[in-house]
Amino acid sequence: MITEFGWSDALRTAFAPFEAQGCIPARVTAQHRGLWRLITDGGELNGRLTGRFTSAAAPGEHPVVGDWLAATLEGSPPEAHIHALLPRRTLFARRAAGDRGGAQNVAANVDVAFLVAALNADLNLRRLERYLVATRDSGAEPVIVLTKADLLDDPDAAAAEVVAIAGGAAVVALSAKTGVGLSALAAWLQPGVTVALLGSSGAGKSTLLNALAGTALMDTGDIRESDARGRHTTTHRELFRLPSGALLVDTPGMRELGLLAVDDALDASFDDVTALMGMCRFSNCTHGAEPGCAIQDAIADKTLSGDRWQAYLKLQRELAFAARKDDPAIEATERAKWKQIHKGQRAKYKHRARNQEE
């Protein structure tokens, strides 16, 4: 049965040491507080972490939906005792909201991420840029899925705006309600391929899941007329097997997506911006008022939008701040740099004051 849920030769090799210890492989299909729903060769069952796993696991090493595990079966009816986590191929994570910081893992071993956004008043290009950066950083392939195309007379025009910021990612416009455009997703929904549905509440993720499954697997809800935003209908992450053999992870809507990404993921998502940077007259161009700045020239002739440039700068600052927060060495270097700058500024002001007194 686990072969239908993505079990592979690479996983079999990684699992060999645990097989020698009497463990069986299992994949997480749902996650609740202190309890995991697992799929094994013997079927579905509940699983709990062993005390040794709980005490030895580092932050971020607790299982999430999509993870592969080594487990043993105990009791009657049997319950799985989770002993170890197999290496992850990909991991979609976000920075936890609030002052806690740190990473919040969302789904593991995802091959493709459907970034779902509705073609209504809540369509937000800046939010999609965030999802693109996070997805590329996870190792999964991003595909932007624009739902509720039946609400627009010309969905292609709206889709064109999204294509412009997609950084080469595929963009598919469809209507889960009417079925128009659904067939375009078949290229990614192949047997054994794990696809995650990511997006904000009201984007139509659960409706899309039900349409692809051909049955009502998840509840759906109406959006608010005041702001075209939805209410949470998915309350937990869960992995489903579709009739095509593809595996689909439905996730609750995310209002905030704090980034944990590296610069490479940012640059890949803003390839139009980084290409322009290489065309500036000066290699150390700050993209401000220097002559021959390709960024400022592109903004002036409207081949690059000012909003797109400001979005790049904002995400770049956010990633730099996250790196300093997570790495004490980087933070100490940054503090030392600014301490020296402030020291120089104070010396300059003192020198100026003395000259004025003379």
Protein backbone atom coordinates (compact mmCIF):
# COMPACT_ATOMS: atom_id res chain seq x y z
CA MET A 1 0.00 0.00 0.00
CA ILE A 2 2.81 2.46 0.79
CA THR A 3 4.00 2.24 -2.83
CA GLU A 4 0.79 4.09 -3.70
CA PHE A 5 1.81 6.88 -1.31
CA GLY A 6 5.21 7.68 -2.81
CA TRP A 7 7.45 4.93 -1.37
CA SER A 8 10.59 4.73 -3.52
CA ASP A 9 13.94 2.93 -3.87
CA ALA A 10 15.71 5.90 -2.28
CA LEU A 11 13.43 5.70 0.76
CA ARG A 12 13.91 1.93 0.94
CA THR A 13 17.68 2.46 1.10
CA ALA A 14 17.36 5.10 3.83
CA PHE A 15 15.02 2.83 5.78
CA ALA A 16 17.28 -0.27 5.71
CA PRO A 17 18.94 0.36 9.14
CA PHE A 18 15.52 0.70 10.80
CA GLU A 19 14.19 -2.44 9.09
CA ALA A 20 17.04 -4.36 10.73
CA GLN A 21 15.73 -3.08 14.08
CA GLY A 22 12.24 -4.45 13.43
CA CYS A 23 10.61 -1.17 12.33
CA ILE A 24 8.10 -0.67 9.55
CA PRO A 25 7.86 2.37 7.22
CA ALA A 26 4.92 4.76 7.56
CA ARG A 27 3.92 8.10 6.06
CA VAL A 28 2.09 10.88 7.89
CA THR A 29 -1.29 11.61 6.31
CA ALA A 30 -2.68 13.90 9.02
CA GLN A 31 -1.40 15.67 12.10
CA HIS A 32 -3.28 16.56 15.26
CA ARG A 33 -2.08 17.67 18.68
CA GLY A 34 0.15 14.85 19.98
CA LEU A 35 -1.30 12.37 17.47
CA TRP A 36 -0.36 11.47 13.90
CA ARG A 37 -2.43 9.54 11.36
CA LEU A 38 -0.18 7.17 9.42
CA ILE A 39 -0.41 4.99 6.33
CA THR A 40 1.47 1.67 6.43
CA ASP A 41 1.49 -1.48 4.33
CA GLY A 42 -1.14 -2.83 6.75
CA GLY A 43 -3.44 0.18 6.36
CA GLU A 44 -4.12 3.38 8.33
CA LEU A 45 -3.56 3.73 12.05
CA ASN A 46 -2.74 6.27 14.74
CA GLY A 47 0.81 6.96 15.86
CA ARG A 48 2.53 8.61 18.81
CA LEU A 49 6.12 9.64 19.42
CA THR A 50 8.26 7.50 21.70
CA GLY A 51 9.72 9.22 24.73
CA ARG A 52 13.23 8.83 23.31
CA PHE A 53 12.19 10.50 20.02
CA THR A 54 10.51 13.36 21.88
CA SER A 55 13.55 14.09 24.03
CA ALA A 56 16.16 13.64 21.29
CA ALA A 57 14.43 15.48 18.42
CA ALA A 58 15.78 18.93 17.63
CA PRO A 59 13.39 21.81 16.87
CA GLY A 60 11.74 21.16 13.51
CA GLU A 61 12.30 17.40 13.63
CA HIS A 62 8.83 16.42 14.82
CA PRO A 63 6.81 14.80 12.02
CA VAL A 64 4.54 16.81 9.75
CA VAL A 65 2.20 15.76 6.97
CA GLY A 66 4.17 14.08 4.17
CA ASP A 67 6.99 12.81 6.39
CA TRP A 68 8.23 9.22 6.21
CA LEU A 69 8.86 7.49 9.54
CA ALA A 70 10.24 4.36 11.15
CA ALA A 71 7.70 2.88 13.56
CA THR A 72 6.79 -0.24 15.51
CA LEU A 73 3.29 -1.56 16.19
CA GLU A 74 2.09 -2.11 19.75
CA GLY A 75 -1.19 -3.21 21.35
CA SER A 76 -4.51 -4.40 20.02
CA PRO A 77 -5.90 -2.71 18.06
CA PRO A 78 -2.37 -1.74 17.04
CA GLU A 79 -1.00 1.76 17.49
CA ALA A 80 2.26 2.95 15.96
CA HIS A 81 5.16 4.06 18.11
CA ILE A 82 7.25 6.53 16.09
CA HIS A 83 11.00 6.02 16.53
CA ALA A 84 12.65 8.04 13.77
CA LEU A 85 12.18 10.47 10.90
CA LEU A 86 13.57 9.54 7.47
CA PRO A 87 15.54 12.24 5.58
CA ARG A 88 13.28 14.83 3.93
CA ARG A 89 13.66 15.60 0.22
CA THR A 90 11.81 18.90 0.51
CA LEU A 91 10.30 20.92 3.35
CA PHE A 92 7.88 23.83 3.13
CA ALA A 93 8.28 26.01 6.21
CA ARG A 94 7.45 29.52 7.32
CA ARG A 95 8.58 31.81 10.11
CA ALA A 96 6.22 31.52 13.06
CA ALA A 97 4.09 34.59 13.70
CA GLY A 98 4.72 36.91 16.65
CA ASP A 99 7.81 37.32 18.77
CA ARG A 100 8.53 33.60 18.96
CA GLY A 101 10.25 33.56 15.61
CA GLY A 102 11.68 30.23 14.54
CA ALA A 103 10.40 27.90 11.87
CA GLN A 104 6.98 26.33 11.56
CA ASN A 105 7.07 23.31 9.29
CA VAL A 106 4.00 22.93 7.08
CA ALA A 107 4.53 19.88 4.84
CA ALA A 108 7.41 17.58 3.90
CA ASN A 109 8.45 15.63 0.80
CA VAL A 110 6.27 17.76 -1.47
CA ASP A 111 7.13 17.57 -5.18
CA VAL A 112 4.85 20.34 -6.46
CA ALA A 113 3.15 23.23 -4.67
CA PHE A 114 -0.08 24.56 -6.13
CA LEU A 115 -0.12 28.21 -5.01
CA VAL A 116 -3.84 28.87 -5.02
CA ALA A 117 -5.23 32.38 -5.42
CA ALA A 118 -8.75 33.47 -6.33
CA LEU A 119 -9.46 35.76 -9.25
CA ASN A 120 -11.48 38.16 -7.11
CA ALA A 121 -10.86 41.31 -5.10
CA ASP A 122 -8.49 39.41 -2.77
CA LEU A 123 -5.95 38.62 -5.55
CA ASN A 124 -2.65 39.92 -4.19
CA LEU A 125 0.51 39.83 -6.32
CA ARG A 126 2.77 40.64 -3.37
CA ARG A 127 1.38 37.66 -1.44
CA LEU A 128 2.01 35.38 -4.41
CA GLU A 129 5.61 36.60 -4.61
CA ARG A 130 6.08 35.46 -1.01
CA TYR A 131 4.67 32.02 -1.75
CA LEU A 132 6.93 31.69 -4.78
CA VAL A 133 10.04 32.48 -2.74
CA ALA A 134 9.05 30.07 0.06
CA THR A 135 8.21 27.28 -2.38
CA ARG A 136 11.46 27.56 -4.31
CA ASP A 137 13.34 27.55 -1.03
CA SER A 138 11.53 24.36 0.01
CA GLY A 139 12.76 22.48 -3.06
CA ALA A 140 9.30 21.94 -4.54
CA GLU A 141 8.18 23.12 -7.98
CA PRO A 142 5.78 26.10 -7.78
CA VAL A 143 2.64 26.23 -9.93
CA ILE A 144 0.28 29.19 -9.55
CA VAL A 145 -3.36 28.11 -9.72
CA LEU A 146 -5.87 30.93 -10.22
CA THR A 147 -9.32 29.78 -9.16
CA LYS A 148 -12.83 31.19 -9.68
CA ALA A 149 -12.12 32.11 -13.30
CA ASP A 150 -15.87 31.89 -13.88
CA LEU A 151 -16.26 35.17 -11.96
CA LEU A 152 -14.44 37.20 -14.63
CA ASP A 153 -15.33 38.03 -18.22
CA ASP A 154 -11.63 38.04 -19.16
CA PRO A 155 -9.62 35.80 -16.77
CA ASP A 156 -6.71 35.73 -19.22
CA ALA A 157 -6.08 39.45 -18.66
CA ALA A 158 -5.88 38.94 -14.90
CA ALA A 159 -3.68 35.89 -15.38
CA ALA A 160 -1.27 37.94 -17.50
CA GLU A 161 -0.51 40.16 -14.47
CA VAL A 162 0.36 37.05 -12.47
CA VAL A 163 2.55 35.63 -15.24
CA ALA A 164 4.59 38.85 -15.10
CA ILE A 165 5.60 38.19 -11.46
CA ALA A 166 5.76 34.37 -11.63
CA GLY A 167 9.50 34.12 -12.29
CA GLY A 168 8.94 31.40 -14.87
CA ALA A 169 6.52 29.33 -12.78
CA ALA A 170 3.53 27.88 -14.62
CA VAL A 171 0.24 29.77 -14.22
CA VAL A 172 -3.11 28.01 -14.66
CA ALA A 173 -6.50 29.76 -14.55
CA LEU A 174 -9.50 27.52 -13.87
CA SER A 175 -12.91 27.19 -12.29
CA ALA A 176 -13.37 24.30 -9.88
CA LYS A 177 -17.10 25.09 -9.92
CA THR A 178 -17.56 24.63 -13.68
CA GLY A 179 -14.57 22.36 -14.31
CA VAL A 180 -13.10 24.65 -16.96
CA GLY A 181 -9.29 24.48 -16.89
CA LEU A 182 -9.05 21.59 -14.40
CA SER A 183 -7.55 19.26 -17.00
CA ALA A 184 -4.49 21.53 -17.25
CA LEU A 185 -3.40 20.31 -13.80
CA ALA A 186 -3.11 16.70 -15.00
CA ALA A 187 0.51 17.30 -16.04
CA TRP A 188 1.48 17.54 -12.36
CA LEU A 189 -1.08 15.14 -10.84
CA GLN A 190 0.80 11.95 -11.69
CA PRO A 191 0.81 8.69 -9.66
CA GLY A 192 3.00 8.94 -6.57
CA VAL A 193 3.61 12.69 -6.98
CA THR A 194 2.91 14.72 -3.82
CA VAL A 195 1.24 18.09 -4.41
CA ALA A 196 0.51 20.64 -1.67
CA LEU A 197 -2.32 23.17 -1.86
CA LEU A 198 -1.10 26.46 -0.38
CA GLY A 199 -2.84 29.81 -0.17
CA SER A 200 -4.95 32.10 1.95
CA SER A 201 -8.46 31.40 3.24
CA GLY A 202 -11.12 31.80 0.60
CA ALA A 203 -8.78 31.00 -2.30
CA GLY A 204 -10.74 27.84 -3.08
CA LYS A 205 -8.26 25.16 -2.01
CA SER A 206 -10.84 22.80 -0.52
CA THR A 207 -13.22 23.32 -3.45
CA LEU A 208 -10.34 22.50 -5.82
CA LEU A 209 -9.48 19.38 -3.81
CA ASN A 210 -13.08 18.17 -3.96
CA ALA A 211 -13.23 18.80 -7.71
CA LEU A 212 -10.01 16.86 -8.34
CA ALA A 213 -11.10 14.02 -6.07
CA GLY A 214 -14.57 13.81 -7.59
CA THR A 215 -16.13 13.78 -4.13
CA ALA A 216 -16.60 16.06 -1.12
CA LEU A 217 -13.49 15.31 0.96
CA MET A 218 -13.41 18.69 2.71
CA ASP A 219 -16.02 21.25 3.78
CA THR A 220 -16.14 24.51 1.86
CA GLY A 221 -17.39 27.94 2.89
CA ASP A 222 -18.55 31.20 1.39
CA ILE A 223 -16.33 34.28 1.27
CA ARG A 224 -17.21 37.60 2.92
CA GLU A 225 -18.74 40.07 0.51
CA SER A 226 -17.07 43.03 2.27
CA ASP A 227 -13.49 42.10 1.37
CA ALA A 228 -13.73 38.93 -0.78
CA ARG A 229 -11.81 37.01 1.88
CA GLY A 230 -12.73 33.60 3.17
CA ARG A 231 -13.16 31.93 6.52
CA HIS A 232 -11.12 28.90 7.53
CA THR A 233 -12.83 25.68 6.45
CA THR A 234 -9.71 23.47 6.56
CA THR A 235 -8.59 23.20 10.18
CA HIS A 236 -5.68 20.79 9.82
CA ARG A 237 -3.25 19.50 7.22
CA GLU A 238 -4.16 16.23 5.56
CA LEU A 239 -2.84 14.13 2.68
CA PHE A 240 -5.32 12.52 0.26
CA ARG A 241 -4.81 10.06 -2.59
CA LEU A 242 -6.63 11.14 -5.75
CA PRO A 243 -8.16 8.80 -8.36
CA SER A 244 -5.21 9.66 -10.64
CA GLY A 245 -2.80 8.24 -8.05
CA ALA A 246 -1.44 11.67 -7.15
CA LEU A 247 -1.19 12.66 -3.50
CA LEU A 248 -2.68 16.00 -2.49
CA VAL A 249 -2.00 17.83 0.78
CA ASP A 250 -4.70 20.30 1.82
CA THR A 251 -3.57 22.97 4.28
CA PRO A 252 -5.39 25.65 6.30
CA GLY A 253 -5.30 29.15 4.85
CA MET A 254 -2.31 31.26 5.86
CA ARG A 255 -2.84 34.96 6.43
CA GLU A 256 0.84 35.47 7.24
CA LEU A 257 3.82 33.87 5.52
CA GLY A 258 7.02 34.90 7.26
CA LEU A 259 9.98 33.89 5.13
CA LEU A 260 12.90 31.68 6.10
CA ALA A 261 14.29 31.51 2.58
CA VAL A 262 17.82 32.01 1.26
CA ASP A 263 18.80 34.65 -1.27
CA ASP A 264 18.88 32.15 -4.15
CA ALA A 265 15.14 31.51 -3.78
CA LEU A 266 14.48 35.26 -3.74
CA ASP A 267 16.59 35.86 -6.85
CA ALA A 268 14.93 32.99 -8.73
CA SER A 269 11.49 34.44 -8.00
CA PHE A 270 12.59 37.94 -9.07
CA ASP A 271 14.69 36.91 -12.07
CA ASP A 272 13.51 39.98 -14.01
CA VAL A 273 14.92 42.23 -11.28
CA THR A 274 18.22 40.39 -10.87
CA ALA A 275 18.74 40.37 -14.64
CA LEU A 276 18.45 44.17 -14.68
CA MET A 277 20.94 44.49 -11.81
CA GLY A 278 23.61 42.91 -13.98
CA MET A 279 23.05 45.56 -16.65
CA CYS A 280 23.88 48.61 -14.50
CA ARG A 281 26.84 50.75 -15.64
CA PHE A 282 28.63 50.34 -12.30
CA SER A 283 29.15 46.96 -10.64
CA ASN A 284 28.62 48.51 -7.19
CA CYS A 285 25.44 50.35 -8.18
CA THR A 286 23.08 50.91 -5.25
CA HIS A 287 20.16 51.36 -7.68
CA GLY A 288 19.43 54.80 -6.38
CA ALA A 289 20.53 57.95 -8.20
CA GLU A 290 23.62 56.61 -10.00
CA PRO A 291 23.83 57.29 -13.75
CA GLY A 292 23.30 54.24 -15.92
CA CYS A 293 21.25 52.34 -13.33
CA ALA A 294 19.27 49.72 -15.25
CA ILE A 295 16.74 49.35 -12.42
CA GLN A 296 15.85 53.05 -12.33
CA ASP A 297 15.79 53.23 -16.14
CA ALA A 298 13.38 50.27 -16.28
CA ILE A 299 11.11 51.88 -13.69
CA ALA A 300 11.16 55.13 -15.65
CA ASP A 301 10.16 53.46 -18.92
CA LYS A 302 7.66 51.20 -17.10
CA THR A 303 9.26 47.89 -18.13
CA LEU A 304 9.65 47.26 -14.39
CA SER A 305 6.96 48.39 -11.97
CA GLY A 306 7.98 50.40 -8.94
CA ASP A 307 5.81 48.12 -6.79
CA ARG A 308 7.72 45.07 -8.01
CA TRP A 309 11.06 46.71 -7.17
CA GLN A 310 9.87 47.77 -3.72
CA ALA A 311 8.55 44.25 -3.08
CA TYR A 312 12.00 42.83 -3.89
CA LEU A 313 13.69 45.28 -1.52
CA LYS A 314 11.18 44.52 1.24
CA LEU A 315 11.68 40.76 1.00
CA GLN A 316 15.45 41.21 0.81
CA ARG A 317 15.39 43.23 4.04
CA GLU A 318 13.14 40.64 5.67
CA LEU A 319 15.50 37.79 4.79
CA ALA A 320 18.51 39.76 6.02
CA PHE A 321 16.73 40.46 9.32
CA ALA A 322 15.78 36.78 9.67
CA ALA A 323 19.38 35.70 9.05
CA ARG A 324 20.67 38.07 11.72
CA LYS A 325 18.02 36.90 14.17
CA ASP A 326 18.79 33.23 13.61
CA ASP A 327 22.58 33.49 13.54
CA PRO A 328 24.23 35.24 16.52
CA ALA A 329 27.50 35.62 14.58
CA ILE A 330 25.79 37.53 11.78
CA GLU A 331 23.93 39.68 14.29
CA ALA A 332 27.18 40.46 16.17
CA THR A 333 28.93 41.43 12.92
CA GLU A 334 26.02 43.68 11.99
CA ARG A 335 26.03 45.35 15.42
CA ALA A 336 29.78 45.92 15.19
CA LYS A 337 29.39 47.46 11.72
CA TRP A 338 26.73 49.92 12.86
CA LYS A 339 28.62 50.70 16.06
CA GLN A 340 31.58 51.74 13.93
CA ILE A 341 29.34 53.81 11.66
CA HIS A 342 27.78 55.60 14.63
CA LYS A 343 31.21 56.17 16.16
CA GLY A 344 32.36 57.79 12.92
CA GLN A 345 29.24 59.95 12.80
CA ARG A 346 29.78 61.16 16.38
CA ALA A 347 33.43 62.01 15.61
CA LYS A 348 32.35 63.96 12.52
CA TYR A 349 29.80 65.98 14.49
CA LYS A 350 32.37 66.74 17.23
CA HIS A 351 34.86 67.92 14.63
CA ARG A 352 32.21 70.12 13.01
CA ALA A 353 31.22 71.60 16.39
CA ARG A 354 34.86 72.48 17.21
CA ASN A 355 35.29 74.21 13.83
CA GLN A 356 32.17 76.27 14.44
CA GLU A 357 33.43 77.35 17.89
CA GLU A 358 36.75 78.48 16.39
